[in-house]
Amino acid sequence: MRNTRVLTLMAVLVAIGTIGSQLLWFPAGVARAYPVQHAVNVIAAVLLGPGPAVGVALMIGLLRNLLGLGTLLAFPGGMIGALFAGILYRKWRYRSLAVTGEVLGTGIIGSLLAVPFANLLMGSSVGAIAFLPAFFVSSVSGACIGWFILSRVHKTNFMQIHT
């Protein structure tokens, strides 16, 4: 029963992240900001834990790329942010730390890892901090949306799915 709930929630979050990213985005420097991805990362990290949150981010990135709706930059930012959000939330159980983990993971570490990723796989020759402003703005706005949504959800057995 637990595995079915986890997989179902993961599928719903993947659908929200894939479709929602096309509904809510804005230009931010050299990249586009997709705050829905970061909101989903925070929600998945809190409700499911770091492993499933990374899986959700991976699937959203794959679907967006397969559908021609995203770029390869969805992978380093989304997955690292989800991992950090999940780890920080699991360790201290504060939603605000899931937000912090998303911003640190995507906004800083993911943006720095996106540079060699873009150079090797996309043929782009951008500087070391080229993606930092866009990734940071995107992750902060999306993580805050995720925190807001979680703050409006009442604690139920459903919220404790990962324990």
N, C-alpha and C. Protein backbone atom coordinates (compact mmCIF):
# COMPACT_ATOMS: atom_id res chain seq x y z
N MET A 1 0.82 -1.20 0.00
CA MET A 1 0.00 0.00 0.00
C MET A 1 0.86 1.26 0.00
N ARG A 2 1.94 1.26 0.80
CA ARG A 2 2.81 2.42 0.88
C ARG A 2 3.48 2.70 -0.45
N ASN A 3 3.98 1.64 -1.13
CA ASN A 3 4.64 1.84 -2.42
C ASN A 3 3.69 2.39 -3.47
N THR A 4 2.44 1.95 -3.43
CA THR A 4 1.45 2.45 -4.38
C THR A 4 1.20 3.93 -4.15
N ARG A 5 1.11 4.34 -2.89
CA ARG A 5 0.92 5.77 -2.57
C ARG A 5 2.11 6.60 -3.03
N VAL A 6 3.29 6.11 -2.77
CA VAL A 6 4.50 6.84 -3.15
C VAL A 6 4.56 6.99 -4.67
N LEU A 7 4.38 5.90 -5.40
CA LEU A 7 4.43 5.96 -6.86
C LEU A 7 3.33 6.85 -7.43
N THR A 8 2.15 6.80 -6.84
CA THR A 8 1.05 7.64 -7.32
C THR A 8 1.36 9.11 -7.09
N LEU A 9 1.84 9.44 -5.90
CA LEU A 9 2.20 10.83 -5.62
C LEU A 9 3.33 11.29 -6.52
N MET A 10 4.31 10.43 -6.75
CA MET A 10 5.40 10.79 -7.66
C MET A 10 4.86 11.08 -9.06
N ALA A 11 3.95 10.25 -9.55
CA ALA A 11 3.38 10.44 -10.89
C ALA A 11 2.61 11.76 -10.97
N VAL A 12 1.84 12.07 -9.93
CA VAL A 12 1.09 13.33 -9.91
C VAL A 12 2.05 14.52 -9.91
N LEU A 13 3.10 14.45 -9.11
CA LEU A 13 4.07 15.54 -9.06
C LEU A 13 4.82 15.70 -10.39
N VAL A 14 5.13 14.58 -11.04
CA VAL A 14 5.77 14.65 -12.36
C VAL A 14 4.83 15.34 -13.35
N ALA A 15 3.57 14.99 -13.33
CA ALA A 15 2.59 15.61 -14.24
C ALA A 15 2.47 17.11 -13.95
N ILE A 16 2.38 17.47 -12.68
CA ILE A 16 2.28 18.89 -12.31
C ILE A 16 3.53 19.64 -12.76
N GLY A 17 4.70 19.05 -12.50
CA GLY A 17 5.95 19.71 -12.86
C GLY A 17 6.13 19.85 -14.36
N THR A 18 5.72 18.84 -15.12
CA THR A 18 5.88 18.88 -16.58
C THR A 18 4.93 19.88 -17.21
N ILE A 19 3.67 19.81 -16.84
CA ILE A 19 2.67 20.70 -17.43
C ILE A 19 2.80 22.11 -16.85
N GLY A 20 2.98 22.19 -15.55
CA GLY A 20 3.07 23.49 -14.88
C GLY A 20 4.24 24.32 -15.35
N SER A 21 5.32 23.68 -15.73
CA SER A 21 6.49 24.42 -16.21
C SER A 21 6.19 25.16 -17.50
N GLN A 22 5.25 24.68 -18.27
CA GLN A 22 4.89 25.36 -19.50
C GLN A 22 3.86 26.47 -19.27
N LEU A 23 3.19 26.41 -18.15
CA LEU A 23 2.18 27.42 -17.84
C LEU A 23 2.75 28.62 -17.10
N LEU A 24 3.78 28.38 -16.30
CA LEU A 24 4.36 29.45 -15.49
C LEU A 24 5.87 29.47 -15.68
N TRP A 25 6.35 30.41 -16.45
CA TRP A 25 7.78 30.60 -16.65
C TRP A 25 8.02 32.06 -16.99
N PHE A 26 9.26 32.49 -16.83
CA PHE A 26 9.60 33.86 -17.20
C PHE A 26 11.07 33.91 -17.57
N PRO A 27 11.44 34.85 -18.47
CA PRO A 27 12.84 34.97 -18.85
C PRO A 27 13.67 35.49 -17.67
N ALA A 28 14.86 34.91 -17.51
CA ALA A 28 15.75 35.33 -16.42
C ALA A 28 17.19 35.21 -16.90
N GLY A 29 17.72 36.29 -17.41
CA GLY A 29 19.10 36.27 -17.89
C GLY A 29 19.26 35.40 -19.12
N VAL A 30 20.27 34.52 -19.10
CA VAL A 30 20.56 33.67 -20.25
C VAL A 30 19.69 32.43 -20.31
N ALA A 31 18.84 32.24 -19.34
CA ALA A 31 17.98 31.05 -19.30
C ALA A 31 16.56 31.48 -18.95
N ARG A 32 15.67 30.53 -18.98
CA ARG A 32 14.30 30.77 -18.54
C ARG A 32 14.15 30.24 -17.12
N ALA A 33 13.30 30.90 -16.36
CA ALA A 33 13.01 30.46 -15.00
C ALA A 33 11.72 29.65 -15.01
N TYR A 34 11.78 28.46 -14.45
CA TYR A 34 10.64 27.56 -14.35
C TYR A 34 10.36 27.29 -12.87
N PRO A 35 9.68 28.19 -12.18
CA PRO A 35 9.48 28.03 -10.73
C PRO A 35 8.66 26.81 -10.33
N VAL A 36 7.81 26.31 -11.22
CA VAL A 36 6.99 25.14 -10.87
C VAL A 36 7.89 23.94 -10.57
N GLN A 37 8.96 23.76 -11.32
CA GLN A 37 9.90 22.67 -11.08
C GLN A 37 10.44 22.73 -9.66
N HIS A 38 10.77 23.92 -9.20
CA HIS A 38 11.36 24.08 -7.87
C HIS A 38 10.31 23.92 -6.77
N ALA A 39 9.09 24.36 -7.05
CA ALA A 39 8.00 24.14 -6.09
C ALA A 39 7.75 22.64 -5.93
N VAL A 40 7.74 21.92 -7.03
CA VAL A 40 7.54 20.47 -6.99
C VAL A 40 8.69 19.81 -6.25
N ASN A 41 9.92 20.29 -6.45
CA ASN A 41 11.06 19.72 -5.75
C ASN A 41 10.89 19.83 -4.24
N VAL A 42 10.47 20.99 -3.76
CA VAL A 42 10.28 21.19 -2.32
C VAL A 42 9.16 20.30 -1.80
N ILE A 43 8.06 20.24 -2.53
CA ILE A 43 6.92 19.42 -2.11
C ILE A 43 7.32 17.94 -2.07
N ALA A 44 8.01 17.48 -3.12
CA ALA A 44 8.44 16.08 -3.16
C ALA A 44 9.44 15.77 -2.06
N ALA A 45 10.34 16.70 -1.79
CA ALA A 45 11.34 16.49 -0.74
C ALA A 45 10.68 16.32 0.63
N VAL A 46 9.69 17.14 0.91
CA VAL A 46 9.01 17.08 2.21
C VAL A 46 8.10 15.86 2.30
N LEU A 47 7.33 15.60 1.26
CA LEU A 47 6.35 14.51 1.33
C LEU A 47 6.97 13.13 1.12
N LEU A 48 8.05 13.05 0.33
CA LEU A 48 8.56 11.74 -0.08
C LEU A 48 10.00 11.45 0.36
N GLY A 49 10.80 12.47 0.55
CA GLY A 49 12.20 12.25 0.90
C GLY A 49 13.12 12.51 -0.28
N PRO A 50 14.43 12.45 -0.05
CA PRO A 50 15.39 12.83 -1.10
C PRO A 50 15.41 11.92 -2.33
N GLY A 51 15.38 10.61 -2.14
CA GLY A 51 15.45 9.70 -3.29
C GLY A 51 14.30 9.87 -4.26
N PRO A 52 13.06 9.76 -3.78
CA PRO A 52 11.94 9.97 -4.69
C PRO A 52 11.88 11.39 -5.27
N ALA A 53 12.31 12.39 -4.50
CA ALA A 53 12.31 13.77 -5.02
C ALA A 53 13.26 13.88 -6.20
N VAL A 54 14.42 13.25 -6.11
CA VAL A 54 15.36 13.25 -7.24
C VAL A 54 14.74 12.50 -8.43
N GLY A 55 14.06 11.40 -8.16
CA GLY A 55 13.38 10.66 -9.22
C GLY A 55 12.33 11.50 -9.92
N VAL A 56 11.56 12.26 -9.16
CA VAL A 56 10.55 13.15 -9.73
C VAL A 56 11.23 14.20 -10.61
N ALA A 57 12.29 14.82 -10.10
CA ALA A 57 13.01 15.85 -10.88
C ALA A 57 13.59 15.25 -12.17
N LEU A 58 14.14 14.04 -12.07
CA LEU A 58 14.69 13.37 -13.26
C LEU A 58 13.60 13.13 -14.30
N MET A 59 12.45 12.63 -13.86
CA MET A 59 11.36 12.34 -14.80
C MET A 59 10.80 13.61 -15.43
N ILE A 60 10.70 14.68 -14.66
CA ILE A 60 10.23 15.95 -15.22
C ILE A 60 11.21 16.43 -16.28
N GLY A 61 12.50 16.38 -15.98
CA GLY A 61 13.51 16.78 -16.95
C GLY A 61 13.45 15.93 -18.22
N LEU A 62 13.32 14.62 -18.03
CA LEU A 62 13.24 13.72 -19.19
C LEU A 62 12.01 14.02 -20.05
N LEU A 63 10.87 14.14 -19.41
CA LEU A 63 9.64 14.41 -20.17
C LEU A 63 9.70 15.76 -20.88
N ARG A 64 10.17 16.78 -20.20
CA ARG A 64 10.26 18.09 -20.84
C ARG A 64 11.19 18.06 -22.04
N ASN A 65 12.28 17.33 -21.93
CA ASN A 65 13.21 17.24 -23.05
C ASN A 65 12.65 16.38 -24.18
N LEU A 66 12.04 15.26 -23.85
CA LEU A 66 11.45 14.40 -24.88
C LEU A 66 10.31 15.10 -25.63
N LEU A 67 9.57 15.94 -24.93
CA LEU A 67 8.47 16.67 -25.55
C LEU A 67 8.91 17.96 -26.22
N GLY A 68 10.21 18.28 -26.13
CA GLY A 68 10.73 19.50 -26.73
C GLY A 68 10.34 20.75 -25.96
N LEU A 69 10.07 20.61 -24.68
CA LEU A 69 9.61 21.73 -23.86
C LEU A 69 10.67 22.28 -22.92
N GLY A 70 11.85 21.70 -22.92
CA GLY A 70 12.89 22.15 -22.00
C GLY A 70 14.26 21.94 -22.60
N THR A 71 15.26 22.25 -21.81
CA THR A 71 16.64 22.06 -22.23
C THR A 71 17.32 21.08 -21.29
N LEU A 72 18.53 20.72 -21.64
CA LEU A 72 19.30 19.81 -20.80
C LEU A 72 19.66 20.42 -19.45
N LEU A 73 19.51 21.73 -19.32
CA LEU A 73 19.81 22.40 -18.05
C LEU A 73 18.81 22.03 -16.96
N ALA A 74 17.71 21.38 -17.33
CA ALA A 74 16.74 20.94 -16.33
C ALA A 74 17.32 19.87 -15.42
N PHE A 75 18.32 19.14 -15.90
CA PHE A 75 18.87 18.04 -15.11
C PHE A 75 19.77 18.48 -13.96
N PRO A 76 20.83 19.25 -14.21
CA PRO A 76 21.70 19.56 -13.06
C PRO A 76 20.99 20.39 -11.99
N GLY A 77 20.18 21.34 -12.40
CA GLY A 77 19.51 22.17 -11.40
C GLY A 77 18.43 21.43 -10.64
N GLY A 78 17.53 20.81 -11.38
CA GLY A 78 16.38 20.17 -10.75
C GLY A 78 16.76 19.04 -9.82
N MET A 79 17.64 18.18 -10.25
CA MET A 79 17.98 17.00 -9.46
C MET A 79 18.81 17.34 -8.22
N ILE A 80 19.75 18.24 -8.36
CA ILE A 80 20.58 18.62 -7.22
C ILE A 80 19.75 19.36 -6.18
N GLY A 81 18.88 20.24 -6.64
CA GLY A 81 18.01 20.97 -5.72
C GLY A 81 17.09 20.04 -4.95
N ALA A 82 16.51 19.06 -5.66
CA ALA A 82 15.63 18.10 -5.01
C ALA A 82 16.39 17.28 -3.96
N LEU A 83 17.61 16.88 -4.30
CA LEU A 83 18.42 16.11 -3.36
C LEU A 83 18.73 16.91 -2.10
N PHE A 84 19.20 18.13 -2.27
CA PHE A 84 19.54 18.95 -1.10
C PHE A 84 18.30 19.26 -0.27
N ALA A 85 17.19 19.57 -0.93
CA ALA A 85 15.95 19.86 -0.20
C ALA A 85 15.52 18.65 0.62
N GLY A 86 15.60 17.47 0.02
CA GLY A 86 15.21 16.25 0.73
C GLY A 86 16.12 15.92 1.89
N ILE A 87 17.41 16.08 1.68
CA ILE A 87 18.37 15.78 2.75
C ILE A 87 18.20 16.73 3.94
N LEU A 88 18.11 18.03 3.65
CA LEU A 88 17.96 19.00 4.74
C LEU A 88 16.64 18.82 5.47
N TYR A 89 15.57 18.54 4.74
CA TYR A 89 14.29 18.33 5.42
C TYR A 89 14.33 17.05 6.26
N ARG A 90 14.87 15.99 5.71
CA ARG A 90 14.90 14.72 6.45
C ARG A 90 15.71 14.84 7.74
N LYS A 91 16.81 15.60 7.69
CA LYS A 91 17.67 15.71 8.86
C LYS A 91 17.03 16.53 9.98
N TRP A 92 16.40 17.68 9.64
CA TRP A 92 15.91 18.57 10.69
C TRP A 92 14.39 18.76 10.71
N ARG A 93 13.66 18.29 9.72
CA ARG A 93 12.19 18.35 9.68
C ARG A 93 11.62 19.77 9.70
N TYR A 94 12.30 20.71 9.07
CA TYR A 94 11.78 22.07 8.91
C TYR A 94 11.57 22.32 7.41
N ARG A 95 10.36 22.73 7.06
CA ARG A 95 10.08 23.01 5.65
C ARG A 95 10.98 24.12 5.12
N SER A 96 11.29 25.07 5.98
CA SER A 96 12.16 26.17 5.54
C SER A 96 13.54 25.65 5.13
N LEU A 97 13.98 24.56 5.72
CA LEU A 97 15.27 23.98 5.31
C LEU A 97 15.15 23.25 3.98
N ALA A 98 13.96 22.75 3.65
CA ALA A 98 13.75 22.19 2.31
C ALA A 98 13.86 23.30 1.27
N VAL A 99 13.32 24.46 1.60
CA VAL A 99 13.43 25.63 0.71
C VAL A 99 14.89 26.03 0.57
N THR A 100 15.59 26.09 1.69
CA THR A 100 17.02 26.44 1.67
C THR A 100 17.81 25.43 0.84
N GLY A 101 17.53 24.16 1.01
CA GLY A 101 18.22 23.12 0.24
C GLY A 101 17.96 23.26 -1.25
N GLU A 102 16.73 23.58 -1.62
CA GLU A 102 16.41 23.78 -3.04
C GLU A 102 17.18 24.96 -3.61
N VAL A 103 17.23 26.05 -2.87
CA VAL A 103 17.93 27.25 -3.35
C VAL A 103 19.44 27.01 -3.43
N LEU A 104 20.01 26.38 -2.39
CA LEU A 104 21.44 26.08 -2.43
C LEU A 104 21.77 25.06 -3.53
N GLY A 105 20.96 24.02 -3.61
CA GLY A 105 21.23 22.96 -4.58
C GLY A 105 21.06 23.40 -6.01
N THR A 106 19.97 24.09 -6.30
CA THR A 106 19.72 24.53 -7.67
C THR A 106 20.37 25.88 -7.94
N GLY A 107 20.06 26.85 -7.08
CA GLY A 107 20.47 28.22 -7.32
C GLY A 107 21.96 28.43 -7.34
N ILE A 108 22.69 27.65 -6.56
CA ILE A 108 24.15 27.86 -6.50
C ILE A 108 24.89 26.67 -7.12
N ILE A 109 24.76 25.50 -6.52
CA ILE A 109 25.53 24.35 -7.00
C ILE A 109 25.08 23.92 -8.40
N GLY A 110 23.77 23.82 -8.61
CA GLY A 110 23.25 23.44 -9.92
C GLY A 110 23.65 24.41 -11.01
N SER A 111 23.63 25.71 -10.69
CA SER A 111 24.00 26.71 -11.70
C SER A 111 25.47 26.60 -12.07
N LEU A 112 26.32 26.29 -11.10
CA LEU A 112 27.75 26.14 -11.39
C LEU A 112 28.02 24.85 -12.19
N LEU A 113 27.28 23.78 -11.87
CA LEU A 113 27.45 22.53 -12.63
C LEU A 113 26.83 22.62 -14.02
N ALA A 114 25.93 23.57 -14.23
CA ALA A 114 25.31 23.73 -15.54
C ALA A 114 26.30 24.25 -16.58
N VAL A 115 27.34 24.95 -16.14
CA VAL A 115 28.31 25.52 -17.08
C VAL A 115 29.05 24.42 -17.84
N PRO A 116 29.73 23.47 -17.18
CA PRO A 116 30.37 22.42 -17.97
C PRO A 116 29.35 21.54 -18.70
N PHE A 117 28.18 21.37 -18.11
CA PHE A 117 27.10 20.62 -18.74
C PHE A 117 26.72 21.28 -20.06
N ALA A 118 26.56 22.60 -20.05
CA ALA A 118 26.21 23.34 -21.26
C ALA A 118 27.35 23.31 -22.27
N ASN A 119 28.58 23.40 -21.77
CA ASN A 119 29.74 23.39 -22.67
C ASN A 119 29.89 22.04 -23.37
N LEU A 120 29.76 20.96 -22.63
CA LEU A 120 29.96 19.63 -23.20
C LEU A 120 28.79 19.13 -24.05
N LEU A 121 27.59 19.32 -23.55
CA LEU A 121 26.43 18.71 -24.19
C LEU A 121 25.63 19.64 -25.09
N MET A 122 25.78 20.95 -24.90
CA MET A 122 24.97 21.88 -25.66
C MET A 122 25.80 22.78 -26.57
N GLY A 123 27.12 22.66 -26.49
CA GLY A 123 27.99 23.47 -27.34
C GLY A 123 28.02 24.94 -26.99
N SER A 124 27.65 25.27 -25.79
CA SER A 124 27.62 26.65 -25.34
C SER A 124 28.94 26.98 -24.64
N SER A 125 29.39 28.20 -24.79
CA SER A 125 30.64 28.60 -24.12
C SER A 125 30.36 29.79 -23.21
N VAL A 126 29.66 29.52 -22.13
CA VAL A 126 29.30 30.57 -21.18
C VAL A 126 30.30 30.59 -20.03
N GLY A 127 30.33 31.71 -19.33
CA GLY A 127 31.24 31.86 -18.21
C GLY A 127 30.78 31.11 -16.97
N ALA A 128 31.63 31.13 -15.96
CA ALA A 128 31.41 30.34 -14.75
C ALA A 128 30.16 30.73 -13.97
N ILE A 129 29.77 31.98 -14.02
CA ILE A 129 28.58 32.38 -13.26
C ILE A 129 27.43 32.81 -14.17
N ALA A 130 27.45 32.39 -15.41
CA ALA A 130 26.42 32.81 -16.37
C ALA A 130 25.02 32.38 -15.95
N PHE A 131 24.88 31.19 -15.39
CA PHE A 131 23.55 30.68 -15.05
C PHE A 131 23.11 31.03 -13.63
N LEU A 132 24.02 31.55 -12.82
CA LEU A 132 23.71 31.81 -11.41
C LEU A 132 22.50 32.72 -11.21
N PRO A 133 22.40 33.88 -11.84
CA PRO A 133 21.23 34.73 -11.59
C PRO A 133 19.91 34.05 -11.98
N ALA A 134 19.86 33.42 -13.15
CA ALA A 134 18.63 32.78 -13.61
C ALA A 134 18.24 31.61 -12.71
N PHE A 135 19.19 30.74 -12.40
CA PHE A 135 18.90 29.60 -11.54
C PHE A 135 18.49 30.05 -10.13
N PHE A 136 19.14 31.09 -9.64
CA PHE A 136 18.85 31.57 -8.29
C PHE A 136 17.44 32.15 -8.21
N VAL A 137 17.10 33.03 -9.16
CA VAL A 137 15.76 33.64 -9.17
C VAL A 137 14.68 32.57 -9.32
N SER A 138 14.92 31.62 -10.22
CA SER A 138 13.97 30.55 -10.46
C SER A 138 13.78 29.69 -9.21
N SER A 139 14.88 29.31 -8.58
CA SER A 139 14.79 28.44 -7.41
C SER A 139 14.18 29.14 -6.21
N VAL A 140 14.50 30.40 -6.00
CA VAL A 140 13.92 31.13 -4.87
C VAL A 140 12.42 31.29 -5.06
N SER A 141 12.00 31.72 -6.24
CA SER A 141 10.57 31.92 -6.47
C SER A 141 9.80 30.59 -6.37
N GLY A 142 10.32 29.56 -6.99
CA GLY A 142 9.64 28.27 -6.95
C GLY A 142 9.64 27.63 -5.58
N ALA A 143 10.75 27.71 -4.87
CA ALA A 143 10.83 27.13 -3.53
C ALA A 143 9.86 27.83 -2.59
N CYS A 144 9.70 29.13 -2.76
CA CYS A 144 8.73 29.86 -1.92
C CYS A 144 7.30 29.44 -2.25
N ILE A 145 7.02 29.19 -3.52
CA ILE A 145 5.69 28.69 -3.90
C ILE A 145 5.47 27.32 -3.26
N GLY A 146 6.47 26.45 -3.32
CA GLY A 146 6.36 25.14 -2.70
C GLY A 146 6.14 25.22 -1.21
N TRP A 147 6.87 26.11 -0.55
CA TRP A 147 6.70 26.31 0.90
C TRP A 147 5.29 26.81 1.20
N PHE A 148 4.80 27.75 0.40
CA PHE A 148 3.45 28.28 0.60
C PHE A 148 2.40 27.18 0.48
N ILE A 149 2.52 26.35 -0.54
CA ILE A 149 1.57 25.24 -0.73
C ILE A 149 1.64 24.29 0.45
N LEU A 150 2.84 23.92 0.87
CA LEU A 150 2.98 23.00 2.00
C LEU A 150 2.45 23.60 3.29
N SER A 151 2.59 24.90 3.46
CA SER A 151 2.12 25.54 4.69
C SER A 151 0.60 25.56 4.76
N ARG A 152 -0.06 25.38 3.62
CA ARG A 152 -1.53 25.36 3.58
C ARG A 152 -2.10 23.96 3.66
N VAL A 153 -1.24 22.95 3.60
CA VAL A 153 -1.69 21.56 3.68
C VAL A 153 -1.65 21.15 5.14
N HIS A 154 -2.74 20.60 5.62
CA HIS A 154 -2.78 20.14 7.00
C HIS A 154 -1.98 18.85 7.14
N LYS A 155 -1.35 18.70 8.28
CA LYS A 155 -0.62 17.46 8.53
C LYS A 155 -1.59 16.30 8.68
N THR A 156 -1.38 15.31 7.84
CA THR A 156 -2.21 14.11 7.89
C THR A 156 -1.28 12.91 7.74
N ASN A 157 -1.85 11.74 7.77
CA ASN A 157 -1.04 10.55 7.52
C ASN A 157 -0.44 10.60 6.12
N PHE A 158 -1.13 11.25 5.20
CA PHE A 158 -0.62 11.38 3.83
C PHE A 158 0.68 12.16 3.81
N MET A 159 0.78 13.18 4.67
CA MET A 159 1.98 14.00 4.72
C MET A 159 3.18 13.20 5.24
N GLN A 160 2.95 12.15 5.97
CA GLN A 160 4.02 11.37 6.55
C GLN A 160 4.30 10.11 5.73
N ILE A 161 4.16 10.21 4.45
CA ILE A 161 4.27 9.05 3.56
C ILE A 161 5.69 8.47 3.54
N HIS A 162 6.70 9.30 3.77
CA HIS A 162 8.09 8.85 3.63
C HIS A 162 8.67 8.25 4.90
N THR A 163 7.95 8.26 6.00
CA THR A 163 8.53 7.72 7.24
C THR A 163 8.15 6.28 7.44
